[in-house]
Amino acid sequence: MNISTATYQKLNHTLQILRGSYSLFFLLIGLDKFVNWMAHWQTYISPLALQHVTFTPAILAVIAGILEIGIAVLIITQWARTGAYCGFAWLLLLTANVLALHAYLHIALFFAIAAIGAFTLGRLVTITERIANEDVV
């Protein structure tokens, strides 16, 4: 399949916007786990999740923050695909966690839609890498 250079550039530009956006997203929500400026994240940890860990909710939030910062770093570096799919899985886990609370359904919806976007980012990285490696532009 051949695509024009202009089409490839548009596709790559879209990819860069998503990479930047998702890196910033994961970085900000990860950092916020340390300061609770945007949200008090411990509120969104379900009792079901707490049954499976030996940490306090505060420690669990910090661990989640470190993971999210790591995802941000992966997405902005050459491991964007890995970061995007890790972000996808993490956001699905967050969605399930919030649904287990039987409250905050708007937050669960937000996480689910963000997960779809992270999956899309992973696919877009794969597609653009394949096109670039096959020299079909």
C-alpha atoms as a PDB file:
ATOM      1  CA  MET A   1       0.000   0.000   0.000  1.00  0.00           C
ATOM      2  CA  ASN A   2       1.411   3.350  -0.985  1.00  0.00           C
ATOM      3  CA  ILE A   3       0.384   6.538   0.704  1.00  0.00           C
ATOM      4  CA  SER A   4       1.446  10.026  -0.209  1.00  0.00           C
ATOM      5  CA  THR A   5       4.051  11.898   1.772  1.00  0.00           C
ATOM      6  CA  ALA A   6       1.422  14.474   2.727  1.00  0.00           C
ATOM      7  CA  THR A   7      -0.863  11.758   4.104  1.00  0.00           C
ATOM      8  CA  TYR A   8       1.988  10.186   6.055  1.00  0.00           C
ATOM      9  CA  GLN A   9       2.923  13.583   7.490  1.00  0.00           C
ATOM     10  CA  LYS A  10      -0.678  14.154   8.621  1.00  0.00           C
ATOM     11  CA  LEU A  11      -0.781  10.707  10.182  1.00  0.00           C
ATOM     12  CA  ASN A  12       2.530  11.296  11.947  1.00  0.00           C
ATOM     13  CA  HIS A  13       1.399  14.751  13.125  1.00  0.00           C
ATOM     14  CA  THR A  14      -1.735  13.170  14.605  1.00  0.00           C
ATOM     15  CA  LEU A  15       0.459  10.575  16.312  1.00  0.00           C
ATOM     16  CA  GLN A  16       2.677  13.266  17.833  1.00  0.00           C
ATOM     17  CA  ILE A  17      -0.361  15.140  19.174  1.00  0.00           C
ATOM     18  CA  LEU A  18      -1.663  11.963  20.822  1.00  0.00           C
ATOM     19  CA  ARG A  19       1.761  11.068  22.227  1.00  0.00           C
ATOM     20  CA  GLY A  20       2.183  14.516  23.726  1.00  0.00           C
ATOM     21  CA  SER A  21      -1.347  14.589  25.085  1.00  0.00           C
ATOM     22  CA  TYR A  22      -1.226  11.156  26.668  1.00  0.00           C
ATOM     23  CA  SER A  23       2.251  11.725  28.083  1.00  0.00           C
ATOM     24  CA  LEU A  24       1.034  14.934  29.693  1.00  0.00           C
ATOM     25  CA  PHE A  25      -2.154  13.223  30.892  1.00  0.00           C
ATOM     26  CA  PHE A  26      -0.308  10.369  32.611  1.00  0.00           C
ATOM     27  CA  LEU A  27       2.379  12.691  33.976  1.00  0.00           C
ATOM     28  CA  LEU A  28      -0.146  15.073  35.520  1.00  0.00           C
ATOM     29  CA  ILE A  29      -2.389  12.427  37.058  1.00  0.00           C
ATOM     30  CA  GLY A  30       0.730  10.602  38.273  1.00  0.00           C
ATOM     31  CA  LEU A  31       2.199  13.692  39.926  1.00  0.00           C
ATOM     32  CA  ASP A  32      -1.166  14.568  41.409  1.00  0.00           C
ATOM     33  CA  LYS A  33      -1.139  11.316  43.372  1.00  0.00           C
ATOM     34  CA  PHE A  34       1.549  12.980  45.506  1.00  0.00           C
ATOM     35  CA  VAL A  35      -0.259  16.292  46.093  1.00  0.00           C
ATOM     36  CA  ASN A  36      -4.002  15.646  45.528  1.00  0.00           C
ATOM     37  CA  TRP A  37      -4.472  18.990  43.845  1.00  0.00           C
ATOM     38  CA  MET A  38      -6.850  17.843  41.078  1.00  0.00           C
ATOM     39  CA  ALA A  39      -8.574  15.129  43.080  1.00  0.00           C
ATOM     40  CA  HIS A  40      -8.312  13.276  46.361  1.00  0.00           C
ATOM     41  CA  TRP A  41      -7.379  10.012  44.628  1.00  0.00           C
ATOM     42  CA  GLN A  42      -7.740   7.806  47.690  1.00  0.00           C
ATOM     43  CA  THR A  43     -11.502   8.404  47.457  1.00  0.00           C
ATOM     44  CA  TYR A  44     -11.554   6.430  44.213  1.00  0.00           C
ATOM     45  CA  ILE A  45      -9.909   3.272  45.557  1.00  0.00           C
ATOM     46  CA  SER A  46     -12.503   0.554  45.946  1.00  0.00           C
ATOM     47  CA  PRO A  47     -12.621  -1.644  49.053  1.00  0.00           C
ATOM     48  CA  LEU A  48     -12.277  -4.591  46.666  1.00  0.00           C
ATOM     49  CA  ALA A  49      -8.881  -3.263  45.534  1.00  0.00           C
ATOM     50  CA  LEU A  50      -7.803  -2.642  49.119  1.00  0.00           C
ATOM     51  CA  GLN A  51      -8.572  -6.272  50.010  1.00  0.00           C
ATOM     52  CA  HIS A  52      -5.797  -7.389  47.646  1.00  0.00           C
ATOM     53  CA  VAL A  53      -2.982  -5.174  48.911  1.00  0.00           C
ATOM     54  CA  THR A  54      -1.322  -4.630  52.250  1.00  0.00           C
ATOM     55  CA  PHE A  55      -0.761  -0.920  51.657  1.00  0.00           C
ATOM     56  CA  THR A  56      -2.688   2.018  53.007  1.00  0.00           C
ATOM     57  CA  PRO A  57      -4.742   3.947  50.451  1.00  0.00           C
ATOM     58  CA  ALA A  58      -2.164   6.748  50.562  1.00  0.00           C
ATOM     59  CA  ILE A  59       0.710   4.389  49.719  1.00  0.00           C
ATOM     60  CA  LEU A  60      -1.355   2.723  46.984  1.00  0.00           C
ATOM     61  CA  ALA A  61      -2.043   6.135  45.444  1.00  0.00           C
ATOM     62  CA  VAL A  62       1.674   6.958  45.423  1.00  0.00           C
ATOM     63  CA  ILE A  63       2.495   3.602  43.806  1.00  0.00           C
ATOM     64  CA  ALA A  64      -0.165   4.329  41.178  1.00  0.00           C
ATOM     65  CA  GLY A  65       1.400   7.753  40.635  1.00  0.00           C
ATOM     66  CA  ILE A  66       4.840   6.252  40.053  1.00  0.00           C
ATOM     67  CA  LEU A  67       3.340   3.783  37.571  1.00  0.00           C
ATOM     68  CA  GLU A  68       1.535   6.587  35.729  1.00  0.00           C
ATOM     69  CA  ILE A  69       4.685   8.695  35.518  1.00  0.00           C
ATOM     70  CA  GLY A  70       6.475   5.648  34.106  1.00  0.00           C
ATOM     71  CA  ILE A  71       3.758   5.252  31.474  1.00  0.00           C
ATOM     72  CA  ALA A  72       4.181   8.920  30.544  1.00  0.00           C
ATOM     73  CA  VAL A  73       7.912   8.422  30.055  1.00  0.00           C
ATOM     74  CA  LEU A  74       7.359   5.330  27.897  1.00  0.00           C
ATOM     75  CA  ILE A  75       4.859   7.127  25.672  1.00  0.00           C
ATOM     76  CA  ILE A  76       7.124  10.105  24.994  1.00  0.00           C
ATOM     77  CA  THR A  77      10.195   7.945  24.240  1.00  0.00           C
ATOM     78  CA  GLN A  78      10.886   5.248  21.665  1.00  0.00           C
ATOM     79  CA  TRP A  79       8.741   2.827  23.698  1.00  0.00           C
ATOM     80  CA  ALA A  80       5.518   4.668  22.840  1.00  0.00           C
ATOM     81  CA  ARG A  81       3.658   1.539  21.765  1.00  0.00           C
ATOM     82  CA  THR A  82       4.495  -0.263  25.003  1.00  0.00           C
ATOM     83  CA  GLY A  83       3.522   2.813  27.003  1.00  0.00           C
ATOM     84  CA  ALA A  84       0.259   3.218  25.130  1.00  0.00           C
ATOM     85  CA  TYR A  85      -0.777  -0.394  25.704  1.00  0.00           C
ATOM     86  CA  CYS A  86       0.322  -0.253  29.363  1.00  0.00           C
ATOM     87  CA  GLY A  87      -1.731   2.927  29.691  1.00  0.00           C
ATOM     88  CA  PHE A  88      -4.676   1.177  28.039  1.00  0.00           C
ATOM     89  CA  ALA A  89      -4.491  -1.726  30.500  1.00  0.00           C
ATOM     90  CA  TRP A  90      -4.029   0.604  33.468  1.00  0.00           C
ATOM     91  CA  LEU A  91      -7.012   2.749  32.466  1.00  0.00           C
ATOM     92  CA  LEU A  92      -9.182  -0.368  32.081  1.00  0.00           C
ATOM     93  CA  LEU A  93      -8.115  -1.418  35.576  1.00  0.00           C
ATOM     94  CA  LEU A  94      -8.992   2.042  36.896  1.00  0.00           C
ATOM     95  CA  THR A  95     -12.367   1.824  35.160  1.00  0.00           C
ATOM     96  CA  ALA A  96     -13.095  -1.536  36.816  1.00  0.00           C
ATOM     97  CA  ASN A  97     -11.921  -0.190  40.172  1.00  0.00           C
ATOM     98  CA  VAL A  98     -14.249   2.819  40.012  1.00  0.00           C
ATOM     99  CA  LEU A  99     -17.165   0.691  38.788  1.00  0.00           C
ATOM    100  CA  ALA A 100     -16.639  -1.525  41.844  1.00  0.00           C
ATOM    101  CA  LEU A 101     -17.413   1.505  44.005  1.00  0.00           C
ATOM    102  CA  HIS A 102     -20.920   1.740  42.508  1.00  0.00           C
ATOM    103  CA  ALA A 103     -20.409   5.494  42.493  1.00  0.00           C
ATOM    104  CA  TYR A 104     -18.540   8.090  40.469  1.00  0.00           C
ATOM    105  CA  LEU A 105     -19.784   6.601  37.208  1.00  0.00           C
ATOM    106  CA  HIS A 106     -18.703   9.763  35.383  1.00  0.00           C
ATOM    107  CA  ILE A 107     -15.111   9.023  36.445  1.00  0.00           C
ATOM    108  CA  ALA A 108     -15.428   5.423  35.224  1.00  0.00           C
ATOM    109  CA  LEU A 109     -16.716   6.709  31.888  1.00  0.00           C
ATOM    110  CA  PHE A 110     -13.798   9.134  31.668  1.00  0.00           C
ATOM    111  CA  PHE A 111     -11.274   6.354  32.321  1.00  0.00           C
ATOM    112  CA  ALA A 112     -12.965   4.033  29.809  1.00  0.00           C
ATOM    113  CA  ILE A 113     -12.891   6.656  27.055  1.00  0.00           C
ATOM    114  CA  ALA A 114      -9.288   7.542  27.893  1.00  0.00           C
ATOM    115  CA  ALA A 115      -8.475   3.805  27.624  1.00  0.00           C
ATOM    116  CA  ILE A 116      -9.919   3.709  24.110  1.00  0.00           C
ATOM    117  CA  GLY A 117      -7.725   6.662  23.195  1.00  0.00           C
ATOM    118  CA  ALA A 118      -4.635   4.970  24.648  1.00  0.00           C
ATOM    119  CA  PHE A 119      -5.391   1.835  22.632  1.00  0.00           C
ATOM    120  CA  THR A 120      -5.805   4.001  19.530  1.00  0.00           C
ATOM    121  CA  LEU A 121      -2.436   5.603  20.247  1.00  0.00           C
ATOM    122  CA  GLY A 122      -0.817   2.171  20.404  1.00  0.00           C
ATOM    123  CA  ARG A 123      -2.359   1.191  17.069  1.00  0.00           C
ATOM    124  CA  LEU A 124      -1.302   4.478  15.482  1.00  0.00           C
ATOM    125  CA  VAL A 125       2.301   3.979  16.641  1.00  0.00           C
ATOM    126  CA  THR A 126       2.260   0.486  15.122  1.00  0.00           C
ATOM    127  CA  ILE A 127       0.836   1.722  11.820  1.00  0.00           C
ATOM    128  CA  THR A 128       3.232   4.642  11.429  1.00  0.00           C
ATOM    129  CA  GLU A 129       6.242   2.487  12.338  1.00  0.00           C
ATOM    130  CA  ARG A 130       5.188  -0.136   9.816  1.00  0.00           C
ATOM    131  CA  ILE A 131       4.763   2.480   7.097  1.00  0.00           C
ATOM    132  CA  ALA A 132       8.115   4.084   7.903  1.00  0.00           C
ATOM    133  CA  ASN A 133       9.922   0.718   7.983  1.00  0.00           C
ATOM    134  CA  GLU A 134       8.439  -0.437   4.689  1.00  0.00           C
ATOM    135  CA  ASP A 135       9.311   2.818   2.950  1.00  0.00           C
ATOM    136  CA  VAL A 136       5.894   2.966   1.356  1.00  0.00           C
ATOM    137  CA  VAL A 137       5.655   6.718   1.601  1.00  0.00           C
END
